[in-house]
């Protein structure tokens, strides 16, 4: 990446950019122009940057994101010339009623929205057999670490853009893994907040029981700056009222720490629950990183297990219909997700203008009528082998919240919340400050997703065979973001201080000559 007016912005942090902006070596106009060279975007964003530069010259700097470019996942609405489509041509041309709450907050913070990032179409809801990171509008999003392998999703483009230094930070959404997994698979930091900390108003929904807006950055600090800008109570999202009295008065940035915060900290390892499911190479590397953390003064307690993990998640990988496969649909996450999507998408669509798409039925019919681009039928489009079977499963429910729905919702929430809280308590004599988990083991973020609890992942290393990164994640109870941020930033600082190789690595662009669709599956050692 070329110098930007003499300043190296590749891998630059938000603090580093603010320093260059503050001492006059760089202006927001110059910064945006440099990032536009990476994005091949248009002239319009320069006017916003000029306004922010004028504010800076006048002594009005709104905060750490003032004049900093970012991207949104293409399921977060912005009331401007940008489209909001969930990656589908079905919503192209539709007009949203307003900025999403998080977008309005970003604009207030002085951040410059440069575009929408590609995603797995409809945030992975439409199909059960599909190419992760593919959408009709965005085509195949590919990780720069290995262009042939699953980049993870559904916030694929949001993570890849930050990893590739297209923008310093971005926003994504998660229902079950869609922030944590693409972050760790692209060697960046991902913060998946407690459900209710960030508003979902104006985002294309999947399930309001689990949806949350999260942040991506190359460092914990960058991701926290973004989180501080977007969290808050929103009258249009009732779930955000739960955060009242549970968030720090000065935001989360003051909780950023260095390695000294590890002295006296106690972490738990749910070994049988999660760690035993990691592949051997990853397990060996992560345990070496755990040794470094212990040498810094932290105590790590093994076997802080999540009770009943065997009935909560599958031992064979991510499976949100595991309850049904065990013969108990009233214990399945997918049971209520299917119903939620049917109802929640109808509510979202009802506010759109300039579109005939008003319901899930309309989306399904559109995909059938546009098989070539949208792959409505199975085995028509290489990215959608199963067609739109996820949509059809949701359609079959008609949005009816029957006794099975409520039993499944209660089972998943109570077992995962109780399970994480029990693991944190460990025993009556010694509780732990946070759980350390391997986020490349999909069951880790699935348990947190069902609970609606927060997770933060930081880069750890990459697999020798595929070149794909993996992370180390921190899991806690509801609204424990401050503690998780403290420990994640402390370990990040420790990685830098010890100069261990187990930290963020740069892409190797493996497989750059291939353009396979579907991408190769995520697998052990990949």
Protein backbone atom coordinates (compact mmCIF):
# COMPACT_ATOMS: atom_id res chain seq x y z
CA UNK A 1 0.00 0.00 0.00
CA UNK A 2 1.62 3.35 -1.01
CA UNK A 3 2.37 6.10 1.48
CA UNK A 4 -0.46 8.56 2.09
CA UNK A 5 1.07 12.06 1.81
CA UNK A 6 4.21 10.58 3.29
CA UNK A 7 2.38 8.72 6.07
CA UNK A 8 2.29 4.92 6.27
CA UNK A 9 -1.37 4.02 6.76
CA UNK A 10 -1.07 0.28 6.13
CA UNK A 11 -1.76 -1.38 9.51
CA UNK A 12 -2.19 2.11 11.04
CA UNK A 13 -4.29 2.28 14.21
CA UNK A 14 -6.97 4.90 14.84
CA UNK A 15 -4.68 6.55 17.43
CA UNK A 16 -1.87 6.69 14.88
CA UNK A 17 -4.14 8.26 12.29
CA UNK A 18 -5.44 10.80 14.82
CA UNK A 19 -1.89 11.74 15.70
CA UNK A 20 -1.10 12.41 12.04
CA UNK A 21 -4.37 14.33 11.64
CA UNK A 22 -3.81 16.30 14.82
CA UNK A 23 -0.28 17.52 14.04
CA UNK A 24 -1.18 18.46 10.48
CA UNK A 25 0.86 15.83 8.65
CA UNK A 26 -2.39 14.48 7.23
CA UNK A 27 -5.90 15.79 6.61
CA UNK A 28 -9.12 13.80 6.51
CA UNK A 29 -9.41 14.67 2.81
CA UNK A 30 -6.00 13.16 2.12
CA UNK A 31 -6.80 10.14 4.24
CA UNK A 32 -10.10 9.47 2.51
CA UNK A 33 -8.50 9.95 -0.92
CA UNK A 34 -5.90 7.34 -0.04
CA UNK A 35 -8.52 4.86 1.10
CA UNK A 36 -10.56 5.62 -2.01
CA UNK A 37 -7.63 4.41 -4.07
CA UNK A 38 -8.21 1.05 -2.42
CA UNK A 39 -11.97 1.14 -2.84
CA UNK A 40 -12.29 2.78 -6.30
CA UNK A 41 -15.08 4.88 -4.86
CA UNK A 42 -16.55 8.22 -6.00
CA UNK A 43 -16.05 11.89 -5.21
CA UNK A 44 -19.07 12.40 -2.92
CA UNK A 45 -17.44 11.35 0.33
CA UNK A 46 -14.80 14.05 -0.03
CA UNK A 47 -17.35 16.75 0.83
CA UNK A 48 -18.03 15.06 4.18
CA UNK A 49 -14.30 14.82 4.80
CA UNK A 50 -13.84 18.53 3.99
CA UNK A 51 -16.52 19.45 6.50
CA UNK A 52 -14.82 17.39 9.18
CA UNK A 53 -11.43 18.91 8.35
CA UNK A 54 -12.99 22.37 8.73
CA UNK A 55 -14.30 21.37 12.15
CA UNK A 56 -10.85 20.13 13.14
CA UNK A 57 -9.17 23.38 12.08
CA UNK A 58 -11.75 25.26 14.15
CA UNK A 59 -10.78 23.20 17.17
CA UNK A 60 -13.82 20.92 17.19
CA UNK A 61 -12.68 17.30 17.22
CA UNK A 62 -15.65 15.09 18.02
CA UNK A 63 -13.64 12.15 19.30
CA UNK A 64 -11.29 9.35 18.21
CA UNK A 65 -13.35 8.54 15.10
CA UNK A 66 -13.42 12.13 13.77
CA UNK A 67 -12.53 11.96 10.07
CA UNK A 68 -11.90 8.20 10.11
CA UNK A 69 -13.35 6.11 7.22
CA UNK A 70 -15.32 2.91 7.84
CA UNK A 71 -17.59 0.37 6.15
CA UNK A 72 -20.97 -1.11 7.05
CA UNK A 73 -22.16 -4.63 6.48
CA UNK A 74 -24.78 -4.50 3.74
CA UNK A 75 -27.62 -5.31 6.10
CA UNK A 76 -27.32 -2.07 8.10
CA UNK A 77 -29.43 0.77 6.71
CA UNK A 78 -28.03 4.15 5.75
CA UNK A 79 -30.28 6.95 4.52
CA UNK A 80 -28.06 8.07 1.66
CA UNK A 81 -27.20 6.98 -1.87
CA UNK A 82 -25.90 3.62 -0.68
CA UNK A 83 -28.04 0.51 -1.10
CA UNK A 84 -29.09 -1.72 1.80
CA UNK A 85 -29.85 -5.15 0.36
CA UNK A 86 -28.47 -8.01 2.49
CA UNK A 87 -26.56 -8.86 -0.68
CA UNK A 88 -29.73 -9.68 -2.65
CA UNK A 89 -30.94 -8.03 -5.84
CA UNK A 90 -34.45 -8.35 -4.41
CA UNK A 91 -33.97 -5.22 -2.29
CA UNK A 92 -31.97 -3.23 -4.82
CA UNK A 93 -33.54 0.21 -5.23
CA UNK A 94 -35.52 0.04 -2.02
CA UNK A 95 -35.48 3.16 0.13
CA UNK A 96 -34.95 2.88 3.88
CA UNK A 97 -36.87 5.20 6.23
CA UNK A 98 -33.86 6.41 8.21
CA UNK A 99 -30.29 5.69 9.18
CA UNK A 100 -29.93 2.70 11.44
CA UNK A 101 -29.38 3.85 15.02
CA UNK A 102 -25.72 2.74 14.92
CA UNK A 103 -25.17 4.63 11.66
CA UNK A 104 -26.63 7.83 13.09
CA UNK A 105 -24.32 7.42 16.09
CA UNK A 106 -21.33 6.93 13.79
CA UNK A 107 -22.13 10.09 11.88
CA UNK A 108 -22.40 12.00 15.18
CA UNK A 109 -18.95 10.66 16.10
CA UNK A 110 -17.52 12.11 12.89
CA UNK A 111 -16.75 8.80 11.19
CA UNK A 112 -16.96 8.77 7.38
CA UNK A 113 -19.08 6.04 5.84
CA UNK A 114 -17.37 4.94 2.64
CA UNK A 115 -19.61 2.09 1.54
CA UNK A 116 -21.22 -1.25 2.29
CA UNK A 117 -19.28 -4.46 2.76
CA UNK A 118 -20.22 -7.75 1.13
CA UNK A 119 -21.74 -10.48 3.24
CA UNK A 120 -23.14 -13.97 3.06
CA UNK A 121 -26.48 -13.29 1.40
CA UNK A 122 -29.31 -12.65 3.87
CA UNK A 123 -26.76 -13.22 6.65
CA UNK A 124 -26.71 -17.00 6.06
CA UNK A 125 -30.44 -17.39 6.67
CA UNK A 126 -31.49 -18.37 3.14
CA UNK A 127 -29.67 -21.71 2.69
CA UNK A 128 -28.17 -24.58 4.63
CA UNK A 129 -25.67 -25.57 1.92
CA UNK A 130 -24.05 -22.47 0.47
CA UNK A 131 -20.74 -20.73 -0.20
CA UNK A 132 -19.90 -18.64 2.86
CA UNK A 133 -19.29 -15.01 1.96
CA UNK A 134 -21.22 -15.16 -1.32
CA UNK A 135 -24.03 -12.83 -2.29
CA UNK A 136 -25.64 -12.07 -5.63
CA UNK A 137 -24.70 -8.39 -5.38
CA UNK A 138 -21.25 -8.78 -3.87
CA UNK A 139 -20.18 -12.05 -5.47
CA UNK A 140 -17.67 -14.15 -3.48
CA UNK A 141 -15.89 -12.41 -0.62
CA UNK A 142 -12.44 -13.97 -0.21
CA UNK A 143 -9.93 -13.93 2.61
CA UNK A 144 -6.54 -12.55 1.62
CA UNK A 145 -4.95 -15.26 3.72
CA UNK A 146 -6.27 -17.96 1.41
CA UNK A 147 -8.61 -16.98 -1.40
CA UNK A 148 -9.90 -20.53 -1.87
CA UNK A 149 -11.01 -21.25 1.69
CA UNK A 150 -14.17 -20.24 3.57
CA UNK A 151 -13.52 -16.67 4.80
CA UNK A 152 -16.31 -17.12 7.35
CA UNK A 153 -19.42 -15.02 7.63
CA UNK A 154 -21.86 -13.70 7.51
CA UNK A 155 -19.97 -10.42 8.13
CA UNK A 156 -17.34 -11.57 5.65
CA UNK A 157 -16.62 -8.30 3.88
CA UNK A 158 -16.59 -6.27 7.09
CA UNK A 159 -13.77 -8.42 8.46
CA UNK A 160 -11.85 -8.78 5.20
CA UNK A 161 -11.85 -5.01 4.57
CA UNK A 162 -10.20 -4.34 7.93
CA UNK A 163 -7.74 -7.21 7.51
CA UNK A 164 -6.73 -5.82 4.09
CA UNK A 165 -6.34 -2.24 5.34
CA UNK A 166 -9.17 -1.00 3.13
CA UNK A 167 -10.57 0.80 6.20
CA UNK A 168 -9.38 1.04 9.82
CA UNK A 169 -12.62 -0.37 11.26
CA UNK A 170 -16.05 -1.63 10.27
CA UNK A 171 -19.41 -2.74 11.64
CA UNK A 172 -21.06 -6.12 11.27
CA UNK A 173 -23.92 -8.07 12.78
CA UNK A 174 -24.11 -11.42 14.52
CA UNK A 175 -26.92 -13.84 15.17
CA UNK A 176 -24.68 -16.85 15.72
CA UNK A 177 -20.98 -16.41 14.99
CA UNK A 178 -21.14 -13.74 12.28
CA UNK A 179 -18.78 -11.32 14.04
CA UNK A 180 -16.52 -13.62 16.01
CA UNK A 181 -15.84 -16.20 13.30
CA UNK A 182 -14.93 -13.84 10.41
CA UNK A 183 -12.81 -11.75 12.80
CA UNK A 184 -10.71 -14.66 13.98
CA UNK A 185 -10.54 -16.19 10.49
CA UNK A 186 -9.09 -12.93 9.14
CA UNK A 187 -6.64 -12.16 11.98
CA UNK A 188 -8.41 -9.12 13.41
CA UNK A 189 -10.26 -8.17 16.58
CA UNK A 190 -14.00 -8.72 16.75
CA UNK A 191 -16.31 -7.55 19.53
CA UNK A 192 -19.69 -9.24 19.71
CA UNK A 193 -21.66 -7.29 22.35
CA UNK A 194 -24.36 -8.45 24.72
CA UNK A 195 -27.72 -8.52 22.97
CA UNK A 196 -29.25 -5.17 23.94
CA UNK A 197 -26.02 -3.15 24.14
CA UNK A 198 -26.20 -2.04 20.50
CA UNK A 199 -29.46 -1.23 18.77
CA UNK A 200 -30.71 -3.39 15.91
CA UNK A 201 -33.17 -0.73 14.68
CA UNK A 202 -32.51 -0.26 10.97
CA UNK A 203 -30.66 -3.54 10.49
CA UNK A 204 -32.10 -6.31 8.35
CA UNK A 205 -33.00 -8.84 11.03
CA UNK A 206 -32.64 -12.56 11.47
CA UNK A 207 -33.75 -13.07 15.06
CA UNK A 208 -34.24 -10.25 17.53
CA UNK A 209 -33.63 -12.80 20.26
CA UNK A 210 -29.97 -13.05 19.19
CA UNK A 211 -29.11 -10.28 16.71
CA UNK A 212 -26.47 -7.77 17.79
CA UNK A 213 -24.29 -5.19 16.01
CA UNK A 214 -20.57 -5.67 16.58
CA UNK A 215 -17.29 -4.03 15.66
CA UNK A 216 -14.09 -4.99 13.83
CA UNK A 217 -10.61 -3.48 14.16
CA UNK A 218 -6.97 -4.48 13.80
CA UNK A 219 -6.54 -3.74 17.50
CA UNK A 220 -8.75 -3.96 20.55
CA UNK A 221 -8.51 -0.21 20.93
CA UNK A 222 -9.81 0.43 17.42
CA UNK A 223 -12.73 -1.96 17.90
CA UNK A 224 -13.54 -0.35 21.26
CA UNK A 225 -13.54 3.14 19.78
CA UNK A 226 -16.22 1.91 17.39
CA UNK A 227 -18.17 0.22 20.18
CA UNK A 228 -18.13 3.39 22.26
CA UNK A 229 -19.61 5.30 19.34
CA UNK A 230 -22.58 2.98 18.73
CA UNK A 231 -23.85 1.58 22.02
CA UNK A 232 -26.75 3.17 23.86
CA UNK A 233 -30.46 3.02 24.55
CA UNK A 234 -32.67 3.37 21.48
CA UNK A 235 -36.45 3.88 21.78
CA UNK A 236 -36.86 1.89 18.56
CA UNK A 237 -35.25 -1.22 20.05
CA UNK A 238 -36.77 -2.30 23.35
CA UNK A 239 -33.93 -4.71 24.09
CA UNK A 240 -31.54 -1.79 24.61
CA UNK A 241 -33.40 -0.71 27.74
CA UNK A 242 -31.78 -3.67 29.51
CA UNK A 243 -28.42 -1.86 29.51
CA UNK A 244 -29.67 0.92 31.82
CA UNK A 245 -27.37 1.08 34.82
CA UNK A 246 -25.11 -1.65 33.42
CA UNK A 247 -22.76 0.35 31.20
CA UNK A 248 -19.78 2.48 32.30
CA UNK A 249 -20.46 6.19 32.51
CA UNK A 250 -17.36 7.14 30.52
CA UNK A 251 -17.67 4.41 27.92
CA UNK A 252 -15.43 1.39 27.40
CA UNK A 253 -12.23 3.08 26.25
CA UNK A 254 -11.04 3.72 29.85
CA UNK A 255 -10.99 -0.05 30.40
CA UNK A 256 -8.29 -0.62 27.78
CA UNK A 257 -5.33 -2.08 29.66
CA UNK A 258 -1.76 -3.25 29.27
CA UNK A 259 -0.17 -6.55 30.31
CA UNK A 260 -0.07 -5.46 33.96
CA UNK A 261 -3.82 -6.13 34.15
CA UNK A 262 -3.08 -9.84 33.87
CA UNK A 263 -1.41 -9.94 37.27
CA UNK A 264 -3.93 -11.47 39.63
CA UNK A 265 -6.46 -12.18 36.89
CA UNK A 266 -8.09 -15.62 36.88
CA UNK A 267 -9.32 -17.30 33.71
CA UNK A 268 -11.24 -20.51 33.19
CA UNK A 269 -10.83 -23.10 30.44
CA UNK A 270 -13.95 -25.13 29.53
CA UNK A 271 -11.70 -27.96 28.35
CA UNK A 272 -14.10 -30.82 27.77
CA UNK A 273 -16.84 -28.43 26.68
CA UNK A 274 -14.83 -26.63 23.99
CA UNK A 275 -11.04 -26.90 24.01
CA UNK A 276 -11.01 -30.64 23.38
CA UNK A 277 -12.79 -29.98 20.07
CA UNK A 278 -9.95 -27.88 18.63
CA UNK A 279 -7.68 -29.39 15.99
CA UNK A 280 -4.24 -30.57 17.25
CA UNK A 281 -2.13 -27.84 15.62
CA UNK A 282 -4.36 -25.05 16.87
CA UNK A 283 -4.55 -26.62 20.33
CA UNK A 284 -0.77 -26.82 20.57
CA UNK A 285 -0.29 -23.18 19.59
CA UNK A 286 -3.05 -21.82 21.81
CA UNK A 287 -1.74 -23.69 24.85
CA UNK A 288 1.67 -22.09 24.25
CA UNK A 289 -0.06 -18.71 24.24
CA UNK A 290 -1.81 -19.67 27.48
CA UNK A 291 1.61 -20.37 29.00
CA UNK A 292 2.73 -16.84 28.09
CA UNK A 293 -0.39 -15.44 29.75
CA UNK A 294 0.34 -17.42 32.92
CA UNK A 295 3.93 -16.21 32.95
CA UNK A 296 2.56 -12.65 32.95
CA UNK A 297 0.88 -13.32 36.30
CA UNK A 298 -2.54 -14.69 35.39
CA UNK A 299 -4.02 -17.83 36.92
CA UNK A 300 -5.66 -20.26 34.52
CA UNK A 301 -7.98 -22.91 35.91
CA UNK A 302 -8.71 -25.91 33.73
CA UNK A 303 -11.99 -27.80 33.46
CA UNK A 304 -14.30 -24.89 34.24
CA UNK A 305 -16.96 -26.70 32.26
CA UNK A 306 -20.28 -25.51 30.88
CA UNK A 307 -22.91 -27.84 32.38
CA UNK A 308 -24.88 -29.94 29.91
CA UNK A 309 -22.73 -28.80 26.98
CA UNK A 310 -23.44 -32.14 25.33
CA UNK A 311 -27.10 -31.27 24.90
CA UNK A 312 -26.57 -27.58 24.09
CA UNK A 313 -24.27 -27.90 21.07
CA UNK A 314 -23.19 -30.69 18.75
CA UNK A 315 -19.78 -32.33 19.29
CA UNK A 316 -19.39 -32.47 15.50
CA UNK A 317 -19.31 -28.74 14.75
CA UNK A 318 -21.69 -25.82 14.39
CA UNK A 319 -25.30 -27.00 14.09
CA UNK A 320 -28.15 -24.76 15.10
CA UNK A 321 -30.68 -27.55 14.62
CA UNK A 322 -28.85 -29.96 16.91
CA UNK A 323 -31.86 -30.30 19.21
CA UNK A 324 -34.06 -31.55 16.38
CA UNK A 325 -31.37 -34.01 15.29
CA UNK A 326 -31.39 -35.38 18.83
CA UNK A 327 -35.16 -35.77 18.52
CA UNK A 328 -36.04 -32.65 20.50
CA UNK A 329 -37.10 -29.70 18.32
CA UNK A 330 -38.20 -27.98 21.53
CA UNK A 331 -34.49 -27.80 22.44
CA UNK A 332 -33.29 -26.48 19.07
CA UNK A 333 -32.01 -22.97 18.34
CA UNK A 334 -33.24 -23.24 14.76
CA UNK A 335 -36.81 -23.83 15.96
CA UNK A 336 -37.20 -20.25 17.14
CA UNK A 337 -34.80 -18.65 14.64
CA UNK A 338 -37.04 -19.82 11.77
CA UNK A 339 -40.11 -18.28 13.38
CA UNK A 340 -38.33 -15.07 14.35
CA UNK A 341 -37.05 -14.48 10.85
CA UNK A 342 -40.50 -14.83 9.32
CA UNK A 343 -41.93 -12.21 11.67
CA UNK A 344 -38.93 -9.89 12.01
CA UNK A 345 -38.28 -9.58 8.26
CA UNK A 346 -41.91 -8.68 7.63
CA UNK A 347 -41.65 -5.85 10.16
CA UNK A 348 -38.44 -4.56 8.57
CA UNK A 349 -39.82 -4.71 5.02
CA UNK A 350 -42.99 -2.87 6.01
CA UNK A 351 -41.03 0.39 6.39
CA UNK A 352 -39.30 0.27 3.01
CA UNK A 353 -40.39 2.34 0.04
CA UNK A 354 -39.87 1.85 -3.70
CA UNK A 355 -40.05 -1.95 -3.52
CA UNK A 356 -42.62 -4.68 -4.08
CA UNK A 357 -40.87 -6.94 -1.58
CA UNK A 358 -43.07 -6.91 1.53
CA UNK A 359 -42.75 -10.42 2.98
CA UNK A 360 -40.69 -13.59 3.04
CA UNK A 361 -43.11 -14.99 0.45
CA UNK A 362 -42.10 -12.17 -1.89
CA UNK A 363 -38.40 -12.88 -1.36
CA UNK A 364 -38.87 -16.59 -2.07
CA UNK A 365 -40.81 -15.87 -5.26
CA UNK A 366 -38.19 -13.36 -6.40
CA UNK A 367 -35.46 -15.98 -5.99
CA UNK A 368 -37.47 -18.51 -7.99
CA UNK A 369 -38.07 -15.98 -10.75
CA UNK A 370 -34.38 -15.04 -10.84
CA UNK A 371 -32.80 -18.47 -10.57
CA UNK A 372 -29.71 -17.51 -12.55
CA UNK A 373 -28.57 -14.83 -10.14
CA UNK A 374 -30.31 -15.83 -6.91
CA UNK A 375 -30.36 -19.64 -7.11
CA UNK A 376 -33.88 -20.12 -5.80
CA UNK A 377 -33.97 -23.79 -6.77
CA UNK A 378 -31.36 -26.31 -5.59
CA UNK A 379 -28.31 -27.04 -7.75
CA UNK A 380 -28.88 -24.10 -10.09
CA UNK A 381 -26.31 -21.66 -8.69
CA UNK A 382 -22.94 -23.02 -7.48
CA UNK A 383 -23.05 -20.76 -4.41
CA UNK A 384 -26.47 -22.03 -3.30
CA UNK A 385 -26.42 -25.81 -3.59
CA UNK A 386 -29.52 -26.21 -1.44
CA UNK A 387 -31.36 -23.32 -3.08
CA UNK A 388 -33.29 -21.37 -0.46
CA UNK A 389 -34.19 -24.20 1.89
CA UNK A 390 -33.58 -21.94 4.91
CA UNK A 391 -36.21 -19.53 3.67
CA UNK A 392 -38.61 -22.36 2.95
CA UNK A 393 -38.16 -23.74 6.46
CA UNK A 394 -38.97 -20.30 7.87
CA UNK A 395 -41.91 -19.95 5.49
CA UNK A 396 -43.33 -23.22 6.71
CA UNK A 397 -43.61 -21.86 10.26
CA UNK A 398 -45.80 -18.92 9.15
CA UNK A 399 -44.32 -17.09 12.12
CA UNK A 400 -46.47 -18.99 14.62
CA UNK A 401 -45.00 -18.82 18.11
CA UNK A 402 -46.44 -22.04 19.53
CA UNK A 403 -45.49 -23.99 22.62
CA UNK A 404 -42.56 -25.66 20.83
CA UNK A 405 -41.20 -22.25 19.92
CA UNK A 406 -41.26 -21.00 23.51
CA UNK A 407 -39.90 -24.25 24.90
CA UNK A 408 -36.96 -24.11 22.48
CA UNK A 409 -36.27 -20.46 23.24
CA UNK A 410 -36.38 -21.02 26.99
CA UNK A 411 -34.22 -24.14 26.79
CA UNK A 412 -31.50 -22.52 24.71
CA UNK A 413 -31.39 -19.28 26.68
CA UNK A 414 -31.57 -20.84 30.13
CA UNK A 415 -29.10 -23.66 29.45
CA UNK A 416 -26.49 -21.43 27.83
CA UNK A 417 -26.83 -18.52 30.24
CA UNK A 418 -26.83 -20.83 33.20
CA UNK A 419 -23.97 -22.80 31.68
CA UNK A 420 -21.68 -19.81 31.11
CA UNK A 421 -22.51 -18.34 34.52
CA UNK A 422 -21.82 -21.68 36.21
CA UNK A 423 -18.47 -21.98 34.43
CA UNK A 424 -17.54 -18.47 35.57
CA UNK A 425 -18.44 -19.30 39.16
CA UNK A 426 -16.51 -22.57 38.88
CA UNK A 427 -17.14 -23.31 42.53
CA UNK A 428 -18.24 -21.40 45.58
CA UNK A 429 -14.65 -20.78 46.67
CA UNK A 430 -13.06 -19.57 43.47
CA UNK A 431 -14.75 -17.82 40.56
CA UNK A 432 -12.99 -16.78 37.37
CA UNK A 433 -12.88 -13.36 35.70
CA UNK A 434 -13.54 -14.63 32.17
CA UNK A 435 -13.55 -17.79 30.13
CA UNK A 436 -10.84 -18.30 27.52
CA UNK A 437 -12.11 -20.25 24.52
CA UNK A 438 -10.89 -21.22 21.03
CA UNK A 439 -13.23 -19.31 18.69
CA UNK A 440 -12.34 -21.46 15.69
CA UNK A 441 -14.33 -24.11 17.58
CA UNK A 442 -17.74 -22.98 16.39
CA UNK A 443 -19.56 -24.32 19.43
CA UNK A 444 -17.88 -21.60 21.54
CA UNK A 445 -19.57 -18.67 19.84
CA UNK A 446 -22.77 -20.67 19.38
CA UNK A 447 -23.18 -21.01 23.15
CA UNK A 448 -22.55 -17.28 23.62
CA UNK A 449 -24.96 -16.46 20.78
CA UNK A 450 -27.83 -18.44 22.28
CA UNK A 451 -27.15 -16.83 25.65
CA UNK A 452 -26.95 -13.33 24.14
CA UNK A 453 -23.66 -12.94 26.03
CA UNK A 454 -20.57 -11.00 24.84
CA UNK A 455 -17.37 -12.35 23.28
CA UNK A 456 -14.16 -10.73 22.08
CA UNK A 457 -11.66 -12.46 19.83
CA UNK A 458 -8.06 -11.38 19.23
CA UNK A 459 -5.62 -12.80 16.66
CA UNK A 460 -3.51 -15.76 17.80
CA UNK A 461 -1.76 -17.27 14.77
CA UNK A 462 -2.49 -19.16 11.55
CA UNK A 463 -2.55 -22.76 10.35
CA UNK A 464 0.58 -23.96 8.61
CA UNK A 465 -1.31 -25.84 5.89
CA UNK A 466 -3.95 -23.37 4.78
CA UNK A 467 -2.51 -20.08 6.03
CA UNK A 468 -5.90 -19.28 7.59
CA UNK A 469 -5.75 -17.45 10.93
CA UNK A 470 -7.42 -18.35 14.18
CA UNK A 471 -7.91 -16.46 17.42
CA UNK A 472 -8.19 -16.61 21.18
CA UNK A 473 -11.51 -15.43 22.59
CA UNK A 474 -12.79 -14.07 25.89
CA UNK A 475 -16.30 -14.96 27.03
CA UNK A 476 -18.29 -13.48 29.90
CA UNK A 477 -21.74 -12.93 31.33
CA UNK A 478 -24.25 -10.30 30.22
CA UNK A 479 -22.86 -6.75 30.01
CA UNK A 480 -19.37 -7.82 31.06
CA UNK A 481 -17.79 -6.00 28.10
CA UNK A 482 -15.64 -3.76 30.33
CA UNK A 483 -13.86 -6.73 31.90
CA UNK A 484 -13.47 -8.56 28.60
CA UNK A 485 -12.01 -5.44 26.97
CA UNK A 486 -9.54 -5.05 29.83
CA UNK A 487 -8.27 -8.61 29.52
CA UNK A 488 -8.31 -8.78 25.72
CA UNK A 489 -6.28 -5.57 25.44
CA UNK A 490 -3.92 -6.81 28.17
CA UNK A 491 -3.19 -10.03 26.28
CA UNK A 492 -2.81 -8.06 23.05
CA UNK A 493 -0.21 -5.84 24.77
CA UNK A 494 1.50 -8.95 26.12
CA UNK A 495 1.75 -10.37 22.60
CA UNK A 496 3.51 -7.20 21.49
CA UNK A 497 5.74 -6.94 24.57
CA UNK A 498 7.00 -10.53 24.38
CA UNK A 499 7.33 -10.35 20.59
CA UNK A 500 5.76 -13.77 20.36
CA UNK A 501 4.91 -15.00 16.88
CA UNK A 502 1.48 -15.89 18.24
CA UNK A 503 -0.32 -12.67 17.26
CA UNK A 504 -1.76 -10.96 14.18
CA UNK A 505 0.00 -12.13 11.04
CA UNK A 506 -0.02 -10.58 7.59
CA UNK A 507 -1.83 -12.24 4.64
CA UNK A 508 -0.01 -14.60 2.30
CA UNK A 509 -2.61 -14.45 -0.51
CA UNK A 510 -2.57 -18.22 -0.98
CA UNK A 511 -4.60 -19.56 -3.89
CA UNK A 512 -4.87 -16.12 -5.52
CA UNK A 513 -5.10 -17.65 -9.00
CA UNK A 514 -8.22 -19.66 -8.16
CA UNK A 515 -11.74 -18.29 -8.19
CA UNK A 516 -13.61 -21.30 -6.90
CA UNK A 517 -17.31 -21.12 -6.03
CA UNK A 518 -18.17 -22.54 -3.62
CA UNK A 519 -15.15 -21.83 -1.47
CA UNK A 520 -13.49 -24.80 0.19
CA UNK A 521 -15.03 -25.81 3.49
CA UNK A 522 -13.71 -24.70 6.85
CA UNK A 523 -12.02 -27.74 8.30
CA UNK A 524 -9.59 -28.96 10.91
CA UNK A 525 -6.20 -27.52 10.01
CA UNK A 526 -7.78 -24.94 7.71
